[in-house]
Full PDB file with SEQRES, HELIX, SHEET, SSBOND, CRYST1, ORIGX, SCALE, CONECT and MASTER records, all heavy atoms in Angstrom:
SEQRES   1 A   32  ASN GLU ALA ILE SER PHE ALA CYS ALA GLY VAL SER GLU          
SEQRES   2 A   32  ASP ASP THR ILE GLN LEU MET THR THR ILE ASP ARG ARG          
SEQRES   3 A   32  PHE MET ALA GLY LEU ALA                                      
HELIX    1 AA1 GLU A    2  CYS A    8  1                                   7    
HELIX    2 AA2 MET A   28  LEU A   31  1                                   4    
CRYST1    1.000    1.000    1.000  90.00  90.00  90.00 P 1           1          
ORIGX1      1.000000  0.000000  0.000000        0.00000                         
ORIGX2      0.000000  1.000000  0.000000        0.00000                         
ORIGX3      0.000000  0.000000  1.000000        0.00000                         
SCALE1      1.000000  0.000000  0.000000        0.00000                         
SCALE2      0.000000  1.000000  0.000000        0.00000                         
SCALE3      0.000000  0.000000  1.000000        0.00000                         
ATOM      1  N   ASN A   1       6.227  -4.879   6.357  1.00  0.00           N  
ATOM      2  CA  ASN A   1       5.289  -4.143   7.256  1.00  0.00           C  
ATOM      3  C   ASN A   1       4.021  -3.789   6.543  1.00  0.00           C  
ATOM      4  O   ASN A   1       2.925  -4.016   7.093  1.00  0.00           O  
ATOM      5  CB  ASN A   1       5.927  -2.870   7.789  1.00  0.00           C  
ATOM      6  CG  ASN A   1       4.881  -1.839   8.209  1.00  0.00           C  
ATOM      7  OD1 ASN A   1       4.336  -1.959   9.229  1.00  0.00           O  
ATOM      8  ND2 ASN A   1       4.578  -0.832   7.391  1.00  0.00           N  
ATOM      9  N   GLU A   2       4.079  -3.336   5.296  1.00  0.00           N  
ATOM     10  CA  GLU A   2       2.813  -2.854   4.604  1.00  0.00           C  
ATOM     11  C   GLU A   2       2.091  -4.141   4.170  1.00  0.00           C  
ATOM     12  O   GLU A   2       0.861  -4.127   4.109  1.00  0.00           O  
ATOM     13  CB  GLU A   2       3.208  -2.013   3.440  1.00  0.00           C  
ATOM     14  CG  GLU A   2       2.229  -0.989   3.153  1.00  0.00           C  
ATOM     15  CD  GLU A   2       1.907  -0.094   4.372  1.00  0.00           C  
ATOM     16  OE1 GLU A   2       2.797   0.638   4.885  1.00  0.00           O  
ATOM     17  OE2 GLU A   2       0.709  -0.023   4.821  1.00  0.00           O  
ATOM     18  N   ALA A   3       2.786  -5.253   3.747  1.00  0.00           N  
ATOM     19  CA  ALA A   3       2.065  -6.405   3.384  1.00  0.00           C  
ATOM     20  C   ALA A   3       1.174  -7.029   4.453  1.00  0.00           C  
ATOM     21  O   ALA A   3       0.059  -7.322   4.256  1.00  0.00           O  
ATOM     22  CB  ALA A   3       3.106  -7.547   2.847  1.00  0.00           C  
ATOM     23  N   ILE A   4       1.771  -7.112   5.687  1.00  0.00           N  
ATOM     24  CA  ILE A   4       0.963  -7.667   6.810  1.00  0.00           C  
ATOM     25  C   ILE A   4      -0.077  -6.636   7.209  1.00  0.00           C  
ATOM     26  O   ILE A   4      -1.179  -7.033   7.771  1.00  0.00           O  
ATOM     27  CB  ILE A   4       1.871  -8.186   7.937  1.00  0.00           C  
ATOM     28  CG1 ILE A   4       2.667  -7.001   8.533  1.00  0.00           C  
ATOM     29  CG2 ILE A   4       2.797  -9.238   7.515  1.00  0.00           C  
ATOM     30  CD1 ILE A   4       3.426  -7.327   9.798  1.00  0.00           C  
ATOM     31  N   SER A   5       0.182  -5.362   6.966  1.00  0.00           N  
ATOM     32  CA  SER A   5      -0.930  -4.370   7.294  1.00  0.00           C  
ATOM     33  C   SER A   5      -2.037  -4.366   6.388  1.00  0.00           C  
ATOM     34  O   SER A   5      -3.193  -4.347   6.740  1.00  0.00           O  
ATOM     35  CB  SER A   5      -0.265  -2.948   7.335  1.00  0.00           C  
ATOM     36  OG  SER A   5       0.718  -2.805   8.293  1.00  0.00           O  
ATOM     37  N   PHE A   6      -1.720  -4.611   4.987  1.00  0.00           N  
ATOM     38  CA  PHE A   6      -2.796  -4.765   4.083  1.00  0.00           C  
ATOM     39  C   PHE A   6      -3.592  -6.060   4.445  1.00  0.00           C  
ATOM     40  O   PHE A   6      -4.790  -5.994   4.375  1.00  0.00           O  
ATOM     41  CB  PHE A   6      -2.220  -4.878   2.659  1.00  0.00           C  
ATOM     42  CG  PHE A   6      -1.706  -3.637   2.067  1.00  0.00           C  
ATOM     43  CD1 PHE A   6      -0.731  -3.674   1.074  1.00  0.00           C  
ATOM     44  CD2 PHE A   6      -2.356  -2.335   2.308  1.00  0.00           C  
ATOM     45  CE1 PHE A   6      -0.285  -2.472   0.542  1.00  0.00           C  
ATOM     46  CE2 PHE A   6      -1.853  -1.245   1.787  1.00  0.00           C  
ATOM     47  CZ  PHE A   6      -0.845  -1.280   0.818  1.00  0.00           C  
ATOM     48  N   ALA A   7      -2.858  -7.124   4.681  1.00  0.00           N  
ATOM     49  CA  ALA A   7      -3.555  -8.342   5.038  1.00  0.00           C  
ATOM     50  C   ALA A   7      -4.491  -8.211   6.256  1.00  0.00           C  
ATOM     51  O   ALA A   7      -5.511  -8.752   6.352  1.00  0.00           O  
ATOM     52  CB  ALA A   7      -2.515  -9.500   5.259  1.00  0.00           C  
ATOM     53  N   CYS A   8      -3.940  -7.394   7.240  1.00  0.00           N  
ATOM     54  CA  CYS A   8      -4.739  -7.144   8.385  1.00  0.00           C  
ATOM     55  C   CYS A   8      -6.115  -6.449   8.010  1.00  0.00           C  
ATOM     56  O   CYS A   8      -7.177  -6.792   8.637  1.00  0.00           O  
ATOM     57  CB  CYS A   8      -3.996  -6.136   9.275  1.00  0.00           C  
ATOM     58  SG  CYS A   8      -4.523  -6.058  11.005  1.00  0.00           S  
ATOM     59  N   ALA A   9      -6.129  -5.710   7.001  1.00  0.00           N  
ATOM     60  CA  ALA A   9      -7.340  -4.970   6.549  1.00  0.00           C  
ATOM     61  C   ALA A   9      -8.150  -5.761   5.490  1.00  0.00           C  
ATOM     62  O   ALA A   9      -9.079  -5.377   4.967  1.00  0.00           O  
ATOM     63  CB  ALA A   9      -6.959  -3.624   5.893  1.00  0.00           C  
ATOM     64  N   GLY A  10      -7.649  -6.993   5.316  1.00  0.00           N  
ATOM     65  CA  GLY A  10      -8.518  -7.893   4.479  1.00  0.00           C  
ATOM     66  C   GLY A  10      -8.073  -8.018   2.939  1.00  0.00           C  
ATOM     67  O   GLY A  10      -8.660  -8.686   2.199  1.00  0.00           O  
ATOM     68  N   VAL A  11      -6.948  -7.257   2.668  1.00  0.00           N  
ATOM     69  CA  VAL A  11      -6.387  -7.313   1.308  1.00  0.00           C  
ATOM     70  C   VAL A  11      -5.656  -8.607   1.014  1.00  0.00           C  
ATOM     71  O   VAL A  11      -4.918  -9.093   1.900  1.00  0.00           O  
ATOM     72  CB  VAL A  11      -5.573  -6.119   1.015  1.00  0.00           C  
ATOM     73  CG1 VAL A  11      -5.091  -6.089  -0.492  1.00  0.00           C  
ATOM     74  CG2 VAL A  11      -6.202  -4.810   1.380  1.00  0.00           C  
ATOM     75  N   SER A  12      -5.829  -9.206  -0.152  1.00  0.00           N  
ATOM     76  CA  SER A  12      -5.162 -10.506  -0.394  1.00  0.00           C  
ATOM     77  C   SER A  12      -4.500 -10.365  -1.809  1.00  0.00           C  
ATOM     78  O   SER A  12      -4.576  -9.330  -2.470  1.00  0.00           O  
ATOM     79  CB  SER A  12      -6.057 -11.631  -0.457  1.00  0.00           C  
ATOM     80  OG  SER A  12      -6.911 -11.595  -1.652  1.00  0.00           O  
ATOM     81  N   GLU A  13      -3.744 -11.368  -2.264  1.00  0.00           N  
ATOM     82  CA  GLU A  13      -3.135 -11.380  -3.549  1.00  0.00           C  
ATOM     83  C   GLU A  13      -4.112 -11.420  -4.653  1.00  0.00           C  
ATOM     84  O   GLU A  13      -3.650 -11.045  -5.801  1.00  0.00           O  
ATOM     85  CB  GLU A  13      -2.235 -12.626  -3.613  1.00  0.00           C  
ATOM     86  CG  GLU A  13      -3.011 -13.909  -3.603  1.00  0.00           C  
ATOM     87  CD  GLU A  13      -1.998 -15.212  -3.585  1.00  0.00           C  
ATOM     88  OE1 GLU A  13      -0.811 -15.021  -3.558  1.00  0.00           O  
ATOM     89  OE2 GLU A  13      -2.597 -16.294  -3.651  1.00  0.00           O  
ATOM     90  N   ASP A  14      -5.334 -11.621  -4.346  1.00  0.00           N  
ATOM     91  CA  ASP A  14      -6.383 -11.562  -5.432  1.00  0.00           C  
ATOM     92  C   ASP A  14      -6.886 -10.152  -5.755  1.00  0.00           C  
ATOM     93  O   ASP A  14      -7.693  -9.913  -6.652  1.00  0.00           O  
ATOM     94  CB  ASP A  14      -7.449 -12.479  -5.077  1.00  0.00           C  
ATOM     95  CG  ASP A  14      -7.131 -13.937  -5.005  1.00  0.00           C  
ATOM     96  OD1 ASP A  14      -6.238 -14.409  -5.832  1.00  0.00           O  
ATOM     97  OD2 ASP A  14      -7.572 -14.634  -4.063  1.00  0.00           O  
ATOM     98  N   ASP A  15      -6.521  -9.188  -4.852  1.00  0.00           N  
ATOM     99  CA  ASP A  15      -6.971  -7.924  -4.924  1.00  0.00           C  
ATOM    100  C   ASP A  15      -6.088  -6.956  -5.782  1.00  0.00           C  
ATOM    101  O   ASP A  15      -4.975  -7.226  -5.948  1.00  0.00           O  
ATOM    102  CB  ASP A  15      -7.178  -7.247  -3.573  1.00  0.00           C  
ATOM    103  CG  ASP A  15      -8.298  -7.907  -2.860  1.00  0.00           C  
ATOM    104  OD1 ASP A  15      -9.472  -7.835  -3.284  1.00  0.00           O  
ATOM    105  OD2 ASP A  15      -8.096  -8.492  -1.755  1.00  0.00           O  
ATOM    106  N   THR A  16      -6.706  -5.908  -6.183  1.00  0.00           N  
ATOM    107  CA  THR A  16      -6.029  -4.806  -6.888  1.00  0.00           C  
ATOM    108  C   THR A  16      -6.201  -3.496  -6.057  1.00  0.00           C  
ATOM    109  O   THR A  16      -7.353  -3.189  -5.753  1.00  0.00           O  
ATOM    110  CB  THR A  16      -6.448  -4.568  -8.346  1.00  0.00           C  
ATOM    111  OG1 THR A  16      -6.253  -5.805  -9.075  1.00  0.00           O  
ATOM    112  CG2 THR A  16      -5.636  -3.497  -9.023  1.00  0.00           C  
ATOM    113  N   ILE A  17      -5.189  -2.751  -5.788  1.00  0.00           N  
ATOM    114  CA  ILE A  17      -5.191  -1.558  -5.017  1.00  0.00           C  
ATOM    115  C   ILE A  17      -4.947  -0.383  -5.839  1.00  0.00           C  
ATOM    116  O   ILE A  17      -4.063  -0.344  -6.638  1.00  0.00           O  
ATOM    117  CB  ILE A  17      -4.126  -1.541  -3.875  1.00  0.00           C  
ATOM    118  CG1 ILE A  17      -4.269  -2.843  -3.032  1.00  0.00           C  
ATOM    119  CG2 ILE A  17      -4.195  -0.356  -3.060  1.00  0.00           C  
ATOM    120  CD1 ILE A  17      -3.088  -3.099  -2.160  1.00  0.00           C  
ATOM    121  N   GLN A  18      -5.792   0.650  -5.727  1.00  0.00           N  
ATOM    122  CA  GLN A  18      -5.580   2.012  -6.480  1.00  0.00           C  
ATOM    123  C   GLN A  18      -4.946   2.966  -5.441  1.00  0.00           C  
ATOM    124  O   GLN A  18      -5.530   3.218  -4.399  1.00  0.00           O  
ATOM    125  CB  GLN A  18      -6.900   2.539  -7.023  1.00  0.00           C  
ATOM    126  CG  GLN A  18      -6.580   3.820  -7.787  1.00  0.00           C  
ATOM    127  CD  GLN A  18      -7.592   4.160  -8.873  1.00  0.00           C  
ATOM    128  OE1 GLN A  18      -8.063   3.158  -9.546  1.00  0.00           O  
ATOM    129  NE2 GLN A  18      -8.131   5.335  -8.994  1.00  0.00           N  
ATOM    130  N   LEU A  19      -3.758   3.433  -5.723  1.00  0.00           N  
ATOM    131  CA  LEU A  19      -2.967   4.257  -4.839  1.00  0.00           C  
ATOM    132  C   LEU A  19      -3.247   5.726  -5.151  1.00  0.00           C  
ATOM    133  O   LEU A  19      -2.928   6.285  -6.273  1.00  0.00           O  
ATOM    134  CB  LEU A  19      -1.430   3.959  -4.970  1.00  0.00           C  
ATOM    135  CG  LEU A  19      -0.456   4.788  -4.165  1.00  0.00           C  
ATOM    136  CD1 LEU A  19      -0.898   4.650  -2.647  1.00  0.00           C  
ATOM    137  CD2 LEU A  19       0.949   4.413  -4.427  1.00  0.00           C  
ATOM    138  N   MET A  20      -3.880   6.358  -4.274  1.00  0.00           N  
ATOM    139  CA  MET A  20      -4.258   7.844  -4.475  1.00  0.00           C  
ATOM    140  C   MET A  20      -3.429   8.744  -3.595  1.00  0.00           C  
ATOM    141  O   MET A  20      -3.932   9.784  -3.124  1.00  0.00           O  
ATOM    142  CB  MET A  20      -5.794   8.001  -4.063  1.00  0.00           C  
ATOM    143  CG  MET A  20      -6.666   7.214  -4.988  1.00  0.00           C  
ATOM    144  SD  MET A  20      -8.445   7.539  -4.574  1.00  0.00           S  
ATOM    145  CE  MET A  20      -9.265   6.405  -5.720  1.00  0.00           C  
ATOM    146  N   THR A  21      -2.192   8.352  -3.413  1.00  0.00           N  
ATOM    147  CA  THR A  21      -1.190   9.222  -2.778  1.00  0.00           C  
ATOM    148  C   THR A  21       0.036   9.261  -3.679  1.00  0.00           C  
ATOM    149  O   THR A  21       0.297   8.370  -4.478  1.00  0.00           O  
ATOM    150  CB  THR A  21      -0.747   8.643  -1.344  1.00  0.00           C  
ATOM    151  OG1 THR A  21       0.033   7.520  -1.541  1.00  0.00           O  
ATOM    152  CG2 THR A  21      -1.901   8.421  -0.517  1.00  0.00           C  
ATOM    153  N   THR A  22       0.880  10.343  -3.446  1.00  0.00           N  
ATOM    154  CA  THR A  22       2.100  10.392  -4.266  1.00  0.00           C  
ATOM    155  C   THR A  22       3.071   9.358  -3.845  1.00  0.00           C  
ATOM    156  O   THR A  22       3.117   8.935  -2.749  1.00  0.00           O  
ATOM    157  CB  THR A  22       2.679  11.768  -4.102  1.00  0.00           C  
ATOM    158  OG1 THR A  22       3.798  11.983  -4.979  1.00  0.00           O  
ATOM    159  CG2 THR A  22       3.180  12.123  -2.669  1.00  0.00           C  
ATOM    160  N   ILE A  23       3.872   8.912  -4.922  1.00  0.00           N  
ATOM    161  CA  ILE A  23       4.954   7.975  -4.605  1.00  0.00           C  
ATOM    162  C   ILE A  23       6.288   8.647  -4.785  1.00  0.00           C  
ATOM    163  O   ILE A  23       7.359   8.082  -4.552  1.00  0.00           O  
ATOM    164  CB  ILE A  23       4.872   6.701  -5.606  1.00  0.00           C  
ATOM    165  CG1 ILE A  23       5.687   5.635  -5.087  1.00  0.00           C  
ATOM    166  CG2 ILE A  23       5.150   7.073  -7.023  1.00  0.00           C  
ATOM    167  CD1 ILE A  23       5.424   4.261  -5.804  1.00  0.00           C  
ATOM    168  N   ASP A  24       6.288   9.928  -5.158  1.00  0.00           N  
ATOM    169  CA  ASP A  24       7.551  10.662  -5.303  1.00  0.00           C  
ATOM    170  C   ASP A  24       7.762  11.734  -4.244  1.00  0.00           C  
ATOM    171  O   ASP A  24       7.192  11.560  -3.142  1.00  0.00           O  
ATOM    172  CB  ASP A  24       7.608  11.343  -6.710  1.00  0.00           C  
ATOM    173  CG  ASP A  24       6.411  12.245  -6.903  1.00  0.00           C  
ATOM    174  OD1 ASP A  24       5.562  12.399  -6.065  1.00  0.00           O  
ATOM    175  OD2 ASP A  24       6.227  12.812  -8.064  1.00  0.00           O  
ATOM    176  N   ARG A  25       8.474  12.750  -4.463  1.00  0.00           N  
ATOM    177  CA  ARG A  25       8.721  13.826  -3.514  1.00  0.00           C  
ATOM    178  C   ARG A  25       9.247  13.368  -2.193  1.00  0.00           C  
ATOM    179  O   ARG A  25       8.998  13.925  -1.098  1.00  0.00           O  
ATOM    180  CB  ARG A  25       7.510  14.759  -3.294  1.00  0.00           C  
ATOM    181  CG  ARG A  25       6.910  15.266  -4.512  1.00  0.00           C  
ATOM    182  CD  ARG A  25       5.753  16.125  -4.287  1.00  0.00           C  
ATOM    183  NE  ARG A  25       5.197  16.671  -5.498  1.00  0.00           N  
ATOM    184  CZ  ARG A  25       4.131  17.598  -5.544  1.00  0.00           C  
ATOM    185  NH1 ARG A  25       3.569  17.936  -4.419  1.00  0.00           N  
ATOM    186  NH2 ARG A  25       3.694  17.962  -6.710  1.00  0.00           N  
ATOM    187  N   ARG A  26      10.147  12.334  -2.231  1.00  0.00           N  
ATOM    188  CA  ARG A  26      10.822  11.860  -0.973  1.00  0.00           C  
ATOM    189  C   ARG A  26       9.845  11.433   0.072  1.00  0.00           C  
ATOM    190  O   ARG A  26      10.003  11.517   1.272  1.00  0.00           O  
ATOM    191  CB  ARG A  26      11.860  12.874  -0.517  1.00  0.00           C  
ATOM    192  CG  ARG A  26      12.793  13.386  -1.511  1.00  0.00           C  
ATOM    193  CD  ARG A  26      13.911  14.110  -0.812  1.00  0.00           C  
ATOM    194  NE  ARG A  26      13.669  15.237  -0.040  1.00  0.00           N  
ATOM    195  CZ  ARG A  26      13.678  16.471  -0.424  1.00  0.00           C  
ATOM    196  NH1 ARG A  26      14.140  16.805  -1.652  1.00  0.00           N  
ATOM    197  NH2 ARG A  26      13.302  17.501   0.318  1.00  0.00           N  
ATOM    198  N   PHE A  27       8.699  10.893  -0.386  1.00  0.00           N  
ATOM    199  CA  PHE A  27       7.552  10.530   0.538  1.00  0.00           C  
ATOM    200  C   PHE A  27       7.568   8.985   0.781  1.00  0.00           C  
ATOM    201  O   PHE A  27       7.639   8.176  -0.076  1.00  0.00           O  
ATOM    202  CB  PHE A  27       6.233  10.911  -0.198  1.00  0.00           C  
ATOM    203  CG  PHE A  27       5.042  10.763   0.710  1.00  0.00           C  
ATOM    204  CD1 PHE A  27       4.972  11.113   1.964  1.00  0.00           C  
ATOM    205  CD2 PHE A  27       3.823  10.264   0.158  1.00  0.00           C  
ATOM    206  CE1 PHE A  27       3.865  11.071   2.770  1.00  0.00           C  
ATOM    207  CE2 PHE A  27       2.633  10.146   0.905  1.00  0.00           C  
ATOM    208  CZ  PHE A  27       2.709  10.562   2.267  1.00  0.00           C  
ATOM    209  N   MET A  28       7.791   8.635   2.071  1.00  0.00           N  
ATOM    210  CA  MET A  28       7.987   7.225   2.431  1.00  0.00           C  
ATOM    211  C   MET A  28       6.713   6.425   2.236  1.00  0.00           C  
ATOM    212  O   MET A  28       6.639   5.294   1.689  1.00  0.00           O  
ATOM    213  CB  MET A  28       8.390   7.099   3.863  1.00  0.00           C  
ATOM    214  CG  MET A  28       8.577   5.575   4.255  1.00  0.00           C  
ATOM    215  SD  MET A  28       9.026   5.368   5.964  1.00  0.00           S  
ATOM    216  CE  MET A  28      10.834   5.605   5.868  1.00  0.00           C  
ATOM    217  N   ALA A  29       5.521   7.000   2.564  1.00  0.00           N  
ATOM    218  CA  ALA A  29       4.262   6.188   2.665  1.00  0.00           C  
ATOM    219  C   ALA A  29       3.847   5.682   1.229  1.00  0.00           C  
ATOM    220  O   ALA A  29       3.588   4.503   1.153  1.00  0.00           O  
ATOM    221  CB  ALA A  29       3.166   7.103   3.114  1.00  0.00           C  
ATOM    222  N   GLY A  30       3.960   6.502   0.172  1.00  0.00           N  
ATOM    223  CA  GLY A  30       3.593   6.028  -1.062  1.00  0.00           C  
ATOM    224  C   GLY A  30       4.430   4.903  -1.625  1.00  0.00           C  
ATOM    225  O   GLY A  30       4.004   3.877  -2.203  1.00  0.00           O  
ATOM    226  N   LEU A  31       5.726   4.979  -1.294  1.00  0.00           N  
ATOM    227  CA  LEU A  31       6.718   3.868  -1.618  1.00  0.00           C  
ATOM    228  C   LEU A  31       6.400   2.683  -0.821  1.00  0.00           C  
ATOM    229  O   LEU A  31       6.376   1.587  -1.359  1.00  0.00           O  
ATOM    230  CB  LEU A  31       8.136   4.309  -1.397  1.00  0.00           C  
ATOM    231  CG  LEU A  31       9.251   3.237  -1.621  1.00  0.00           C  
ATOM    232  CD1 LEU A  31       9.233   2.932  -3.052  1.00  0.00           C  
ATOM    233  CD2 LEU A  31      10.560   3.853  -1.113  1.00  0.00           C  
ATOM    234  N   ALA A  32       6.064   2.833   0.424  1.00  0.00           N  
ATOM    235  CA  ALA A  32       5.742   1.713   1.293  1.00  0.00           C  
ATOM    236  C   ALA A  32       4.515   0.890   0.724  1.00  0.00           C  
ATOM    237  O   ALA A  32       4.492  -0.281   0.656  1.00  0.00           O  
ATOM    238  CB  ALA A  32       5.484   2.138   2.709  1.00  0.00           C  
TER     239      ALA A  32                                                      
MASTER        0    0    0    2    0    0    0    6  238    1    0    3          
END                                                                             
């Protein structure tokens, strides 16, 4: 889901993404 969503926004395998949300605290979005 997130891969095709990123691709929808123009992100490709050549890009690097900086994640400014938490990945812990039982949070689904950061893990996704």
